[in-house]
N, C-alpha and C. Protein backbone atom coordinates (compact mmCIF):
# COMPACT_ATOMS: atom_id res chain seq x y z
N MET A 1 -4.38 28.50 -194.28
CA MET A 1 -5.18 27.64 -193.52
C MET A 1 -5.81 28.57 -192.28
N ILE A 2 -6.99 28.55 -192.25
CA ILE A 2 -7.87 29.10 -191.22
C ILE A 2 -7.90 28.22 -189.96
N THR A 3 -7.60 28.86 -188.96
CA THR A 3 -7.54 28.12 -187.64
C THR A 3 -8.27 28.94 -186.56
N PRO A 4 -8.82 28.40 -185.54
CA PRO A 4 -9.38 29.09 -184.45
C PRO A 4 -8.71 30.39 -183.88
N TYR A 5 -7.32 30.25 -183.98
CA TYR A 5 -6.33 31.08 -183.49
C TYR A 5 -6.26 32.42 -184.56
N SER A 6 -6.33 32.01 -185.89
CA SER A 6 -6.33 33.00 -186.78
C SER A 6 -7.69 33.57 -187.10
N LEU A 7 -8.73 33.01 -186.80
CA LEU A 7 -10.14 33.58 -186.91
C LEU A 7 -10.20 34.50 -185.87
N SER A 8 -9.78 34.11 -184.59
CA SER A 8 -9.98 34.94 -183.52
C SER A 8 -9.14 36.20 -183.62
N ALA A 9 -7.91 35.98 -184.03
CA ALA A 9 -7.09 37.33 -184.26
C ALA A 9 -7.69 38.11 -185.26
N LEU A 10 -8.44 37.76 -186.33
CA LEU A 10 -9.05 38.74 -187.24
C LEU A 10 -10.28 39.40 -186.52
N ILE A 11 -10.98 38.71 -185.77
CA ILE A 11 -12.04 39.39 -184.90
C ILE A 11 -11.57 40.34 -183.99
N LEU A 12 -10.40 40.05 -183.46
CA LEU A 12 -10.03 40.97 -182.45
C LEU A 12 -9.40 42.00 -183.33
N ALA A 13 -8.87 42.08 -184.33
CA ALA A 13 -8.34 43.11 -185.21
C ALA A 13 -9.61 43.98 -185.64
N TYR A 14 -10.67 43.44 -185.85
CA TYR A 14 -11.78 44.32 -186.17
C TYR A 14 -12.24 44.87 -184.85
N LEU A 15 -12.25 44.38 -183.83
CA LEU A 15 -12.82 44.87 -182.54
C LEU A 15 -11.64 46.06 -182.24
N CYS A 16 -10.49 45.76 -182.42
CA CYS A 16 -9.60 47.07 -182.41
C CYS A 16 -9.75 48.31 -182.86
N GLY A 17 -10.15 47.96 -184.32
CA GLY A 17 -10.34 48.97 -185.32
C GLY A 17 -11.64 49.68 -184.98
N SER A 18 -12.46 49.01 -184.14
CA SER A 18 -14.01 49.44 -183.82
C SER A 18 -13.96 50.51 -182.74
N ILE A 19 -12.75 50.52 -182.12
CA ILE A 19 -12.86 51.53 -180.82
C ILE A 19 -12.86 52.95 -181.25
N PRO A 20 -14.15 53.69 -181.07
CA PRO A 20 -14.32 55.04 -181.65
C PRO A 20 -13.65 55.90 -180.83
N THR A 21 -12.29 55.99 -180.98
CA THR A 21 -11.74 57.18 -180.22
C THR A 21 -12.08 58.34 -180.36
N ALA A 22 -12.47 59.01 -181.49
CA ALA A 22 -13.02 60.28 -181.84
C ALA A 22 -14.38 60.52 -181.08
N VAL A 23 -15.34 59.44 -181.03
CA VAL A 23 -16.58 59.55 -180.42
C VAL A 23 -16.41 59.68 -178.72
N TRP A 24 -15.53 58.51 -178.38
CA TRP A 24 -15.26 58.52 -176.92
C TRP A 24 -14.66 59.58 -176.29
N ILE A 25 -13.37 60.09 -176.94
CA ILE A 25 -12.76 61.38 -176.43
C ILE A 25 -13.85 62.64 -176.36
N GLY A 26 -14.21 62.71 -177.40
CA GLY A 26 -15.21 63.94 -177.58
C GLY A 26 -16.56 63.97 -176.80
N LEU A 27 -16.94 62.59 -176.16
CA LEU A 27 -17.86 62.73 -175.30
C LEU A 27 -17.46 62.71 -173.90
N ALA A 28 -16.39 62.06 -173.58
CA ALA A 28 -15.72 61.91 -172.22
C ALA A 28 -15.28 63.31 -171.82
N PHE A 29 -14.61 64.24 -172.61
CA PHE A 29 -13.98 65.21 -172.17
C PHE A 29 -14.54 66.61 -172.78
N TYR A 30 -15.34 66.45 -173.67
CA TYR A 30 -16.06 67.81 -174.25
C TYR A 30 -17.71 67.59 -174.48
N GLY A 31 -18.21 66.57 -173.96
CA GLY A 31 -19.78 66.35 -173.99
C GLY A 31 -20.22 66.57 -175.50
N VAL A 32 -19.31 66.06 -176.55
CA VAL A 32 -19.76 66.36 -177.92
C VAL A 32 -19.57 65.04 -178.69
N ASP A 33 -20.34 64.81 -179.60
CA ASP A 33 -20.26 63.46 -180.25
C ASP A 33 -20.02 64.20 -181.70
N VAL A 34 -18.71 64.09 -182.18
CA VAL A 34 -18.17 64.61 -183.33
C VAL A 34 -19.27 64.23 -184.57
N ARG A 35 -19.81 63.13 -184.79
CA ARG A 35 -20.56 62.84 -185.61
C ARG A 35 -21.44 63.74 -185.94
N GLU A 36 -21.90 64.49 -184.92
CA GLU A 36 -23.10 65.47 -185.14
C GLU A 36 -22.62 66.86 -185.63
N TYR A 37 -21.53 66.95 -186.00
CA TYR A 37 -20.84 68.27 -186.27
C TYR A 37 -19.86 68.04 -187.58
N GLY A 38 -19.60 69.14 -188.16
CA GLY A 38 -18.55 69.13 -189.15
C GLY A 38 -19.14 68.11 -190.31
N SER A 39 -17.84 67.28 -190.51
CA SER A 39 -18.45 66.26 -191.69
C SER A 39 -19.22 65.14 -191.30
N GLY A 40 -19.38 65.21 -189.89
CA GLY A 40 -20.39 63.86 -189.58
C GLY A 40 -19.44 62.61 -189.41
N ASN A 41 -18.15 62.61 -189.51
CA ASN A 41 -17.28 61.41 -189.49
C ASN A 41 -16.63 61.47 -188.13
N ALA A 42 -16.62 60.00 -187.63
CA ALA A 42 -15.83 59.85 -186.26
C ALA A 42 -14.27 59.61 -186.66
N GLY A 43 -13.39 60.53 -187.02
CA GLY A 43 -12.20 60.40 -187.57
C GLY A 43 -11.53 61.53 -186.79
N ALA A 44 -10.18 61.56 -187.06
CA ALA A 44 -9.13 62.53 -186.58
C ALA A 44 -9.54 64.00 -187.41
N THR A 45 -9.47 63.85 -188.57
CA THR A 45 -9.62 65.03 -189.25
C THR A 45 -11.11 65.95 -188.68
N ASN A 46 -12.24 65.32 -188.57
CA ASN A 46 -13.35 65.96 -187.95
C ASN A 46 -13.06 66.40 -186.85
N THR A 47 -12.37 65.61 -185.85
CA THR A 47 -11.99 65.87 -184.47
C THR A 47 -11.28 67.32 -184.55
N PHE A 48 -10.29 67.26 -185.33
CA PHE A 48 -9.61 68.76 -185.37
C PHE A 48 -10.58 69.86 -185.66
N ARG A 49 -11.18 69.43 -186.72
CA ARG A 49 -12.33 70.60 -187.19
C ARG A 49 -13.23 71.12 -186.14
N VAL A 50 -13.74 70.17 -185.19
CA VAL A 50 -14.86 70.27 -184.48
C VAL A 50 -14.38 70.69 -183.05
N LEU A 51 -13.21 70.04 -182.49
CA LEU A 51 -12.68 70.11 -181.15
C LEU A 51 -11.38 70.81 -181.05
N GLY A 52 -10.76 70.69 -182.14
CA GLY A 52 -9.34 71.44 -182.10
C GLY A 52 -8.26 70.48 -182.11
N LYS A 53 -7.06 70.87 -181.92
CA LYS A 53 -5.76 69.88 -181.91
C LYS A 53 -5.69 69.17 -180.49
N LYS A 54 -6.11 69.78 -179.42
CA LYS A 54 -6.00 69.05 -178.23
C LYS A 54 -6.75 67.76 -178.08
N ALA A 55 -7.92 67.69 -178.85
CA ALA A 55 -8.68 66.48 -179.06
C ALA A 55 -8.02 65.79 -180.18
N GLY A 56 -7.67 66.29 -181.43
CA GLY A 56 -7.31 65.78 -182.71
C GLY A 56 -6.27 65.05 -182.62
N ILE A 57 -5.26 65.60 -182.06
CA ILE A 57 -3.78 64.88 -182.08
C ILE A 57 -3.99 63.48 -181.27
N PRO A 58 -4.52 63.35 -180.17
CA PRO A 58 -4.71 62.10 -179.47
C PRO A 58 -5.60 61.02 -180.28
N VAL A 59 -6.61 61.69 -180.88
CA VAL A 59 -7.39 60.72 -181.56
C VAL A 59 -6.56 60.10 -182.96
N MET A 60 -5.83 61.35 -183.64
CA MET A 60 -5.17 60.55 -184.69
C MET A 60 -3.93 59.66 -184.37
N LEU A 61 -3.49 59.93 -183.15
CA LEU A 61 -2.41 58.86 -182.80
C LEU A 61 -2.94 57.64 -182.41
N LEU A 62 -4.13 57.53 -181.58
CA LEU A 62 -4.86 56.43 -181.35
C LEU A 62 -5.37 55.60 -182.56
N ASP A 63 -5.89 56.27 -183.35
CA ASP A 63 -6.44 55.79 -184.65
C ASP A 63 -5.11 55.06 -185.40
N ILE A 64 -4.14 55.80 -185.35
CA ILE A 64 -2.96 55.06 -186.23
C ILE A 64 -2.38 53.83 -185.48
N LEU A 65 -2.59 53.91 -184.01
CA LEU A 65 -2.05 52.87 -183.22
C LEU A 65 -2.98 51.65 -183.33
N LYS A 66 -4.33 52.00 -183.63
CA LYS A 66 -5.23 50.92 -183.81
C LYS A 66 -4.88 49.98 -185.02
N GLY A 67 -4.47 50.58 -186.23
CA GLY A 67 -4.06 49.86 -187.29
C GLY A 67 -2.72 49.21 -187.14
N TRP A 68 -1.87 49.76 -186.44
CA TRP A 68 -0.39 49.36 -186.19
C TRP A 68 -0.60 48.06 -185.51
N THR A 69 -1.38 48.22 -184.56
CA THR A 69 -1.56 47.17 -183.46
C THR A 69 -2.18 45.92 -183.98
N ALA A 70 -3.18 46.14 -184.74
CA ALA A 70 -4.06 45.09 -185.16
C ALA A 70 -3.22 44.19 -186.32
N THR A 71 -2.51 45.11 -187.01
CA THR A 71 -1.61 44.36 -188.22
C THR A 71 -0.57 43.43 -187.52
N ASN A 72 0.22 43.84 -186.43
CA ASN A 72 1.13 43.21 -185.68
C ASN A 72 0.69 42.17 -184.77
N LEU A 73 -0.65 41.69 -184.72
CA LEU A 73 -1.27 40.59 -184.26
C LEU A 73 -0.67 39.46 -184.81
N ALA A 74 -0.16 39.57 -186.03
CA ALA A 74 0.12 38.49 -186.82
C ALA A 74 1.41 37.71 -186.05
N PHE A 75 2.19 38.66 -185.26
CA PHE A 75 3.36 38.04 -184.74
C PHE A 75 2.85 37.16 -183.74
N PHE A 76 1.47 37.13 -183.18
CA PHE A 76 1.29 36.17 -181.96
C PHE A 76 0.47 34.83 -182.59
N ILE A 77 0.17 34.99 -183.66
CA ILE A 77 -0.59 33.83 -184.41
C ILE A 77 0.28 32.68 -184.37
N GLY A 78 1.54 32.61 -184.70
CA GLY A 78 2.26 31.32 -184.77
C GLY A 78 2.64 31.05 -186.08
N VAL A 79 4.01 30.67 -186.52
CA VAL A 79 4.64 30.40 -187.83
C VAL A 79 3.65 29.47 -188.62
N SER A 80 3.31 28.59 -187.82
CA SER A 80 2.40 27.30 -188.70
C SER A 80 1.22 27.95 -189.35
N THR A 81 0.79 29.27 -188.89
CA THR A 81 -0.65 29.73 -189.60
C THR A 81 -0.05 30.74 -190.48
N THR A 82 0.84 31.74 -189.99
CA THR A 82 1.06 32.89 -190.75
C THR A 82 2.44 32.71 -191.63
N GLY A 83 3.31 31.72 -191.47
CA GLY A 83 4.61 31.64 -192.05
C GLY A 83 5.49 32.38 -191.31
N ALA A 84 7.01 32.36 -191.69
CA ALA A 84 7.83 33.06 -191.09
C ALA A 84 7.71 34.71 -191.30
N PRO A 85 8.17 35.37 -190.40
CA PRO A 85 8.15 36.66 -190.50
C PRO A 85 8.72 37.10 -191.89
N ASN A 86 8.21 38.03 -192.47
CA ASN A 86 8.81 38.61 -193.99
C ASN A 86 8.40 37.58 -194.91
N SER A 87 7.79 36.58 -194.61
CA SER A 87 7.42 35.62 -195.77
C SER A 87 6.12 36.22 -196.42
N ILE A 88 5.89 35.58 -197.63
CA ILE A 88 4.50 36.23 -198.38
C ILE A 88 3.33 35.77 -197.53
N ALA A 89 3.29 34.52 -197.04
CA ALA A 89 2.24 34.11 -196.22
C ALA A 89 1.97 35.22 -195.01
N TYR A 90 3.11 35.49 -194.47
CA TYR A 90 3.02 36.16 -193.26
C TYR A 90 2.32 37.46 -193.50
N THR A 91 2.92 38.07 -194.70
CA THR A 91 2.59 39.32 -195.04
C THR A 91 1.06 39.55 -195.41
N ASN A 92 0.56 38.53 -196.27
CA ASN A 92 -0.80 38.27 -196.47
C ASN A 92 -1.77 38.34 -195.26
N TYR A 93 -1.31 37.46 -194.39
CA TYR A 93 -2.04 37.59 -192.99
C TYR A 93 -2.00 38.82 -192.32
N ALA A 94 -0.98 39.39 -192.24
CA ALA A 94 -0.86 40.90 -191.73
C ALA A 94 -1.90 41.88 -192.50
N LEU A 95 -1.79 41.66 -193.75
CA LEU A 95 -2.60 42.65 -194.46
C LEU A 95 -4.32 42.46 -194.24
N ALA A 96 -4.37 41.09 -194.08
CA ALA A 96 -5.91 40.83 -193.47
C ALA A 96 -6.18 41.24 -192.29
N LEU A 97 -5.31 41.10 -191.32
CA LEU A 97 -5.66 41.74 -189.78
C LEU A 97 -5.62 43.26 -190.05
N GLY A 98 -4.82 43.99 -190.89
CA GLY A 98 -4.87 45.47 -190.81
C GLY A 98 -6.29 45.80 -191.75
N ILE A 99 -6.59 45.14 -192.61
CA ILE A 99 -8.00 45.35 -193.22
C ILE A 99 -9.24 45.19 -192.42
N ALA A 100 -9.19 44.02 -191.51
CA ALA A 100 -10.15 43.89 -190.54
C ALA A 100 -10.37 45.23 -189.61
N ALA A 101 -8.99 45.64 -189.36
CA ALA A 101 -9.09 46.72 -188.40
C ALA A 101 -9.66 47.96 -189.13
N VAL A 102 -9.16 48.22 -190.28
CA VAL A 102 -9.63 49.44 -191.08
C VAL A 102 -11.37 49.23 -191.34
N MET A 103 -11.89 48.14 -191.54
CA MET A 103 -13.13 47.71 -191.59
C MET A 103 -14.11 48.19 -190.20
N GLY A 104 -13.27 47.93 -189.21
CA GLY A 104 -13.84 48.18 -187.81
C GLY A 104 -13.72 49.52 -187.64
N HIS A 105 -12.99 50.46 -188.19
CA HIS A 105 -12.92 51.86 -188.04
C HIS A 105 -14.11 52.44 -188.90
N LEU A 106 -14.44 51.80 -189.99
CA LEU A 106 -15.23 52.49 -190.85
C LEU A 106 -16.63 52.10 -190.47
N PHE A 107 -16.79 50.76 -189.65
CA PHE A 107 -18.10 50.39 -189.33
C PHE A 107 -17.89 49.92 -187.87
N PRO A 108 -17.75 50.61 -187.05
CA PRO A 108 -17.39 50.34 -185.66
C PRO A 108 -18.56 49.77 -184.75
N ILE A 109 -18.45 48.50 -184.43
CA ILE A 109 -19.53 47.97 -183.66
C ILE A 109 -19.94 48.48 -182.30
N PHE A 110 -18.92 49.22 -181.80
CA PHE A 110 -19.08 50.04 -180.43
C PHE A 110 -19.56 51.39 -180.83
N ALA A 111 -19.98 51.80 -181.88
CA ALA A 111 -20.57 53.25 -182.17
C ALA A 111 -21.57 53.08 -183.09
N GLY A 112 -22.55 51.88 -183.15
CA GLY A 112 -23.71 52.08 -184.22
C GLY A 112 -23.04 51.86 -185.67
N PHE A 113 -21.97 51.29 -185.81
CA PHE A 113 -21.62 51.23 -187.13
C PHE A 113 -21.26 52.58 -187.95
N ARG A 114 -21.20 53.63 -187.35
CA ARG A 114 -21.04 55.06 -187.91
C ARG A 114 -19.54 55.35 -187.48
N GLY A 115 -18.76 55.29 -188.20
CA GLY A 115 -17.22 55.51 -188.04
C GLY A 115 -16.73 56.61 -188.84
N GLY A 116 -15.33 56.43 -189.19
CA GLY A 116 -14.50 57.38 -189.85
C GLY A 116 -14.39 57.14 -191.24
N LYS A 117 -13.28 57.75 -191.66
CA LYS A 117 -12.96 57.31 -193.27
C LYS A 117 -11.70 56.45 -193.30
N GLY A 118 -11.09 56.30 -192.18
CA GLY A 118 -10.12 55.20 -191.90
C GLY A 118 -8.71 55.67 -192.46
N ILE A 119 -8.42 56.95 -192.71
CA ILE A 119 -7.13 57.30 -193.23
C ILE A 119 -5.95 57.04 -192.08
N ALA A 120 -6.19 57.32 -190.87
CA ALA A 120 -5.19 57.27 -189.76
C ALA A 120 -4.92 55.81 -189.48
N THR A 121 -6.21 54.90 -189.64
CA THR A 121 -5.91 53.58 -189.25
C THR A 121 -5.03 52.81 -190.51
N LEU A 122 -5.74 53.33 -191.70
CA LEU A 122 -4.89 52.88 -192.91
C LEU A 122 -3.22 53.13 -192.83
N PHE A 123 -3.03 54.37 -192.22
CA PHE A 123 -1.69 54.73 -192.20
C PHE A 123 -1.12 53.64 -191.13
N GLY A 124 -1.53 53.46 -190.03
CA GLY A 124 -0.89 52.53 -188.93
C GLY A 124 -0.92 51.17 -189.70
N MET A 125 -1.71 50.74 -190.39
CA MET A 125 -1.46 49.60 -191.15
C MET A 125 -0.15 49.47 -192.04
N ILE A 126 -0.15 50.49 -192.85
CA ILE A 126 0.96 50.71 -193.76
C ILE A 126 2.25 50.80 -192.93
N LEU A 127 2.17 51.47 -191.78
CA LEU A 127 3.41 51.72 -191.20
C LEU A 127 3.91 50.24 -190.56
N ALA A 128 3.05 49.27 -190.33
CA ALA A 128 3.52 48.02 -189.81
C ALA A 128 3.85 47.22 -190.89
N ILE A 129 3.23 47.29 -192.10
CA ILE A 129 3.57 46.48 -193.37
C ILE A 129 4.89 47.04 -194.03
N HIS A 130 4.86 48.24 -194.30
CA HIS A 130 6.16 48.78 -195.22
C HIS A 130 6.60 50.35 -194.73
N LEU A 131 7.58 50.42 -193.74
CA LEU A 131 7.96 51.61 -193.04
C LEU A 131 8.38 52.50 -194.20
N GLN A 132 9.06 52.28 -195.16
CA GLN A 132 9.60 53.21 -196.03
C GLN A 132 8.44 53.90 -196.95
N ALA A 133 7.55 53.01 -197.39
CA ALA A 133 6.33 53.50 -198.12
C ALA A 133 5.29 54.30 -197.09
N ALA A 134 5.28 54.04 -195.89
CA ALA A 134 4.52 55.01 -194.88
C ALA A 134 5.33 56.39 -194.69
N LEU A 135 6.58 56.34 -194.86
CA LEU A 135 7.30 57.58 -194.70
C LEU A 135 7.07 58.48 -195.92
N LEU A 136 7.06 57.59 -197.01
CA LEU A 136 6.83 58.38 -198.30
C LEU A 136 5.30 59.04 -198.31
N CYS A 137 4.46 58.29 -197.64
CA CYS A 137 2.98 59.06 -197.71
C CYS A 137 3.06 60.23 -196.71
N VAL A 138 3.80 59.89 -195.73
CA VAL A 138 3.74 61.25 -194.72
C VAL A 138 4.30 62.43 -195.43
N CYS A 139 5.56 62.09 -196.23
CA CYS A 139 6.14 63.23 -196.91
C CYS A 139 5.17 63.86 -197.94
N VAL A 140 4.59 63.22 -198.69
CA VAL A 140 3.65 63.83 -199.56
C VAL A 140 2.65 64.28 -199.10
N PHE A 141 1.97 63.91 -198.00
CA PHE A 141 0.93 64.47 -197.34
C PHE A 141 1.29 65.91 -196.79
N ILE A 142 2.33 65.99 -196.13
CA ILE A 142 2.83 67.16 -195.62
C ILE A 142 2.99 68.17 -196.84
N VAL A 143 3.76 67.87 -197.91
CA VAL A 143 4.15 68.79 -198.83
C VAL A 143 2.62 69.23 -199.51
N VAL A 144 1.81 68.27 -199.71
CA VAL A 144 0.41 68.79 -200.52
C VAL A 144 -0.30 69.69 -199.43
N LEU A 145 -0.44 69.34 -198.16
CA LEU A 145 -1.14 69.96 -197.21
C LEU A 145 -0.56 71.44 -197.23
N LEU A 146 0.84 71.55 -197.22
CA LEU A 146 1.55 72.96 -197.12
C LEU A 146 1.20 73.86 -198.27
N ILE A 147 1.04 73.13 -199.41
CA ILE A 147 0.86 73.86 -200.57
C ILE A 147 -0.78 74.16 -200.71
N THR A 148 -1.80 73.36 -200.48
CA THR A 148 -3.03 73.49 -200.78
C THR A 148 -3.80 73.82 -199.55
N ARG A 149 -3.63 73.27 -198.42
CA ARG A 149 -4.11 73.56 -197.17
C ARG A 149 -5.55 72.85 -197.13
N TYR A 150 -5.70 71.68 -198.05
CA TYR A 150 -6.65 70.85 -198.02
C TYR A 150 -6.17 69.50 -197.41
N VAL A 151 -6.95 68.97 -196.23
CA VAL A 151 -6.61 67.84 -195.56
C VAL A 151 -7.04 66.57 -196.36
N SER A 152 -8.21 66.88 -197.05
CA SER A 152 -8.81 65.66 -197.87
C SER A 152 -7.90 65.32 -199.08
N LEU A 153 -7.47 66.64 -199.77
CA LEU A 153 -6.85 66.27 -200.86
C LEU A 153 -5.33 65.81 -200.55
N SER A 154 -4.79 66.23 -199.64
CA SER A 154 -3.53 65.62 -198.91
C SER A 154 -3.60 64.32 -198.77
N SER A 155 -4.69 63.78 -198.20
CA SER A 155 -4.90 62.36 -197.78
C SER A 155 -5.33 61.64 -199.14
N ILE A 156 -5.85 62.03 -200.07
CA ILE A 156 -6.25 61.11 -201.22
C ILE A 156 -4.58 60.95 -202.06
N ILE A 157 -4.10 62.16 -202.29
CA ILE A 157 -2.72 62.00 -202.93
C ILE A 157 -1.67 61.14 -202.19
N ALA A 158 -1.48 61.40 -200.83
CA ALA A 158 -0.68 60.62 -200.03
C ALA A 158 -1.14 58.92 -200.19
N GLY A 159 -2.36 58.75 -200.22
CA GLY A 159 -2.75 57.47 -200.35
C GLY A 159 -2.39 57.04 -201.71
N PHE A 160 -2.54 57.62 -202.72
CA PHE A 160 -2.14 57.16 -203.98
C PHE A 160 -0.66 57.05 -204.28
N SER A 161 0.03 57.67 -203.48
CA SER A 161 1.58 57.58 -203.43
C SER A 161 1.84 56.23 -203.05
N TYR A 162 1.11 55.51 -202.14
CA TYR A 162 1.66 54.27 -201.66
C TYR A 162 1.65 53.07 -202.57
N PRO A 163 0.69 52.87 -203.45
CA PRO A 163 0.94 51.78 -204.60
C PRO A 163 2.20 52.39 -205.64
N ILE A 164 2.28 53.62 -205.86
CA ILE A 164 3.59 54.02 -206.47
C ILE A 164 4.78 53.50 -205.81
N GLY A 165 4.80 53.68 -204.57
CA GLY A 165 5.93 53.54 -203.91
C GLY A 165 6.35 52.10 -203.75
N VAL A 166 5.47 51.25 -203.41
CA VAL A 166 5.66 49.81 -203.30
C VAL A 166 5.89 49.17 -204.66
N THR A 167 5.54 49.92 -205.83
CA THR A 167 5.64 49.10 -207.23
C THR A 167 7.02 49.66 -207.73
N PHE A 168 7.22 50.91 -207.61
CA PHE A 168 8.43 51.34 -208.48
C PHE A 168 9.58 51.74 -207.55
N ILE A 169 9.32 52.39 -206.43
CA ILE A 169 10.37 53.08 -205.51
C ILE A 169 10.81 51.97 -204.54
N PHE A 170 9.91 51.08 -203.92
CA PHE A 170 10.47 50.01 -202.94
C PHE A 170 9.59 48.86 -203.22
N PRO A 171 10.11 48.15 -204.51
CA PRO A 171 9.40 46.99 -204.88
C PRO A 171 9.43 45.89 -203.93
N SER A 172 7.71 45.63 -203.82
CA SER A 172 7.39 44.68 -202.90
C SER A 172 6.55 43.57 -203.56
N ASN A 173 6.21 42.50 -202.97
CA ASN A 173 5.55 41.43 -203.39
C ASN A 173 4.02 41.77 -203.94
N ARG A 174 3.36 40.92 -204.65
CA ARG A 174 2.33 41.04 -205.32
C ARG A 174 1.10 41.46 -204.43
N ALA A 175 1.03 40.79 -203.10
CA ALA A 175 -0.16 41.16 -202.24
C ALA A 175 -0.12 42.59 -201.93
N VAL A 176 1.17 42.97 -201.62
CA VAL A 176 1.29 44.45 -200.97
C VAL A 176 0.80 45.45 -202.08
N VAL A 177 1.44 45.14 -203.45
CA VAL A 177 0.95 46.04 -204.42
C VAL A 177 -0.73 45.95 -204.75
N ILE A 178 -1.20 44.93 -204.77
CA ILE A 178 -2.54 44.72 -204.93
C ILE A 178 -3.46 45.45 -203.84
N TYR A 179 -2.84 45.31 -202.61
CA TYR A 179 -3.33 46.04 -201.42
C TYR A 179 -3.25 47.57 -201.50
N GLY A 180 -2.19 48.14 -202.21
CA GLY A 180 -2.12 49.42 -202.44
C GLY A 180 -3.01 49.92 -203.44
N MET A 181 -3.42 49.10 -204.33
CA MET A 181 -4.40 49.47 -205.53
C MET A 181 -5.83 49.70 -204.64
N CYS A 182 -6.03 48.78 -203.74
CA CYS A 182 -7.31 48.63 -203.15
C CYS A 182 -7.32 49.99 -202.24
N ILE A 183 -6.30 50.37 -201.73
CA ILE A 183 -6.32 51.57 -200.98
C ILE A 183 -6.89 52.63 -201.77
N CYS A 184 -6.42 52.66 -202.96
CA CYS A 184 -6.87 54.00 -203.85
C CYS A 184 -8.32 53.90 -204.00
N ILE A 185 -8.93 52.62 -204.20
CA ILE A 185 -10.31 52.59 -204.46
C ILE A 185 -11.11 53.00 -203.15
N LEU A 186 -10.56 52.43 -201.91
CA LEU A 186 -11.25 52.73 -200.79
C LEU A 186 -11.16 54.21 -200.46
N ILE A 187 -10.04 54.90 -200.77
CA ILE A 187 -9.87 56.52 -200.41
C ILE A 187 -10.94 57.03 -201.50
N LEU A 188 -11.17 56.78 -202.63
CA LEU A 188 -12.09 57.51 -203.66
C LEU A 188 -13.52 57.14 -203.04
N VAL A 189 -13.80 56.04 -202.53
CA VAL A 189 -15.26 55.82 -201.95
C VAL A 189 -15.54 56.62 -200.97
N THR A 190 -14.33 56.78 -199.97
CA THR A 190 -14.81 57.21 -198.53
C THR A 190 -14.58 58.76 -198.72
N HIS A 191 -13.93 59.15 -199.48
CA HIS A 191 -13.71 60.51 -199.85
C HIS A 191 -14.50 61.16 -201.10
N GLN A 192 -15.71 60.44 -201.37
CA GLN A 192 -16.46 60.89 -202.42
C GLN A 192 -17.21 62.24 -202.22
N LYS A 193 -17.64 62.59 -201.26
CA LYS A 193 -18.12 64.01 -201.01
C LYS A 193 -17.03 64.95 -201.10
N ASN A 194 -15.77 64.60 -200.34
CA ASN A 194 -14.66 65.59 -200.47
C ASN A 194 -14.40 65.91 -201.94
N ILE A 195 -14.32 65.12 -202.63
CA ILE A 195 -14.05 65.21 -204.04
C ILE A 195 -15.03 66.20 -204.54
N GLU A 196 -16.18 65.90 -204.49
CA GLU A 196 -17.13 66.67 -205.03
C GLU A 196 -17.06 68.26 -204.81
N ARG A 197 -16.79 68.48 -203.29
CA ARG A 197 -16.59 69.68 -202.81
C ARG A 197 -15.36 70.26 -203.29
N LEU A 198 -14.33 69.40 -203.63
CA LEU A 198 -12.96 70.04 -204.26
C LEU A 198 -13.27 70.52 -205.72
N LEU A 199 -14.13 69.65 -206.58
CA LEU A 199 -14.26 70.15 -207.76
C LEU A 199 -15.16 71.27 -207.89
N LYS A 200 -15.87 71.52 -206.73
CA LYS A 200 -16.99 72.67 -206.93
C LYS A 200 -16.18 73.86 -206.12
N GLY A 201 -15.03 73.86 -205.57
CA GLY A 201 -14.33 74.93 -204.75
C GLY A 201 -14.92 74.90 -203.47
N LYS A 202 -15.63 74.13 -203.17
CA LYS A 202 -16.33 74.30 -201.74
C LYS A 202 -15.79 73.66 -200.48
N GLU A 203 -14.55 72.79 -200.75
CA GLU A 203 -13.91 72.18 -199.62
C GLU A 203 -13.17 73.17 -198.71
N SER A 204 -13.55 72.85 -197.49
CA SER A 204 -12.76 73.83 -196.40
C SER A 204 -11.06 73.72 -196.38
N ARG A 205 -10.54 74.76 -196.00
CA ARG A 205 -9.04 74.74 -195.98
C ARG A 205 -8.90 74.84 -194.52
N VAL A 206 -7.61 74.28 -194.11
CA VAL A 206 -7.13 74.54 -192.63
C VAL A 206 -6.21 75.63 -192.73
N ASN A 207 -6.07 76.32 -191.45
CA ASN A 207 -5.36 77.47 -191.38
C ASN A 207 -4.18 76.91 -190.55
N LEU A 208 -3.11 76.61 -191.28
CA LEU A 208 -1.97 75.89 -190.51
C LEU A 208 -1.25 76.58 -189.39
N PHE A 209 -1.44 78.16 -189.78
CA PHE A 209 -0.41 78.95 -188.83
C PHE A 209 -1.58 80.05 -188.39
N LYS A 210 -2.54 79.55 -187.81
CA LYS A 210 -3.54 80.55 -187.10
C LYS A 210 -2.95 80.83 -185.78
N ARG A 211 -2.98 82.04 -185.62
CA ARG A 211 -2.53 82.63 -184.14
C ARG A 211 -3.89 83.15 -183.46
N ARG A 212 -3.66 82.85 -182.16
CA ARG A 212 -4.83 83.20 -181.31
C ARG A 212 -4.63 84.89 -181.00
N THR A 213 -5.84 85.25 -181.04
CA THR A 213 -5.72 86.69 -180.44
C THR A 213 -6.26 86.74 -179.14
N ALA A 214 -5.65 88.03 -178.41
CA ALA A 214 -5.99 88.29 -176.99
C ALA A 214 -7.31 88.62 -176.89
């Protein structure tokens, strides 16, 4: 049932996701709009690439927080709208809030609708919905990154591990499983250029153990 409170929460979730942390931090502290450099995305990965870890880490954490916070708005809507916590109705509404935040990150109203790829915000959403599956994604991401040093490939494979996790390892309700499948489609769409570069062998790798020279 759609109520003024539930609709307001969806709008608030979108606005939360629309906060362009990469753009604002880049402009405020470095005088740089990260969308004009690197991959052109307003996300954590491109911030790491363009401005380094001192900017990338805060952007990543804040983008995760956006997804987590928006999804947990379901706590404040009321049982009459969302159902009891851990119920199917509650989970469905929490998913809707998280998706609104991800859409905000992809198409931020505060940054001319030019956003990032949504991986960190997606992770924040997963963290709020299913902690065990989120931790599985983290483990897969780290392992793939250590082996390949491709952030994009690590994100893609980690994203695909989520529906596998909620289907076979941590069985969940149908809505969570369907959402997991939608994540795979979204990741394929937002990482299309990365996939093309991976297939051509032109995707850039990260140097995980780079040392500064005096």
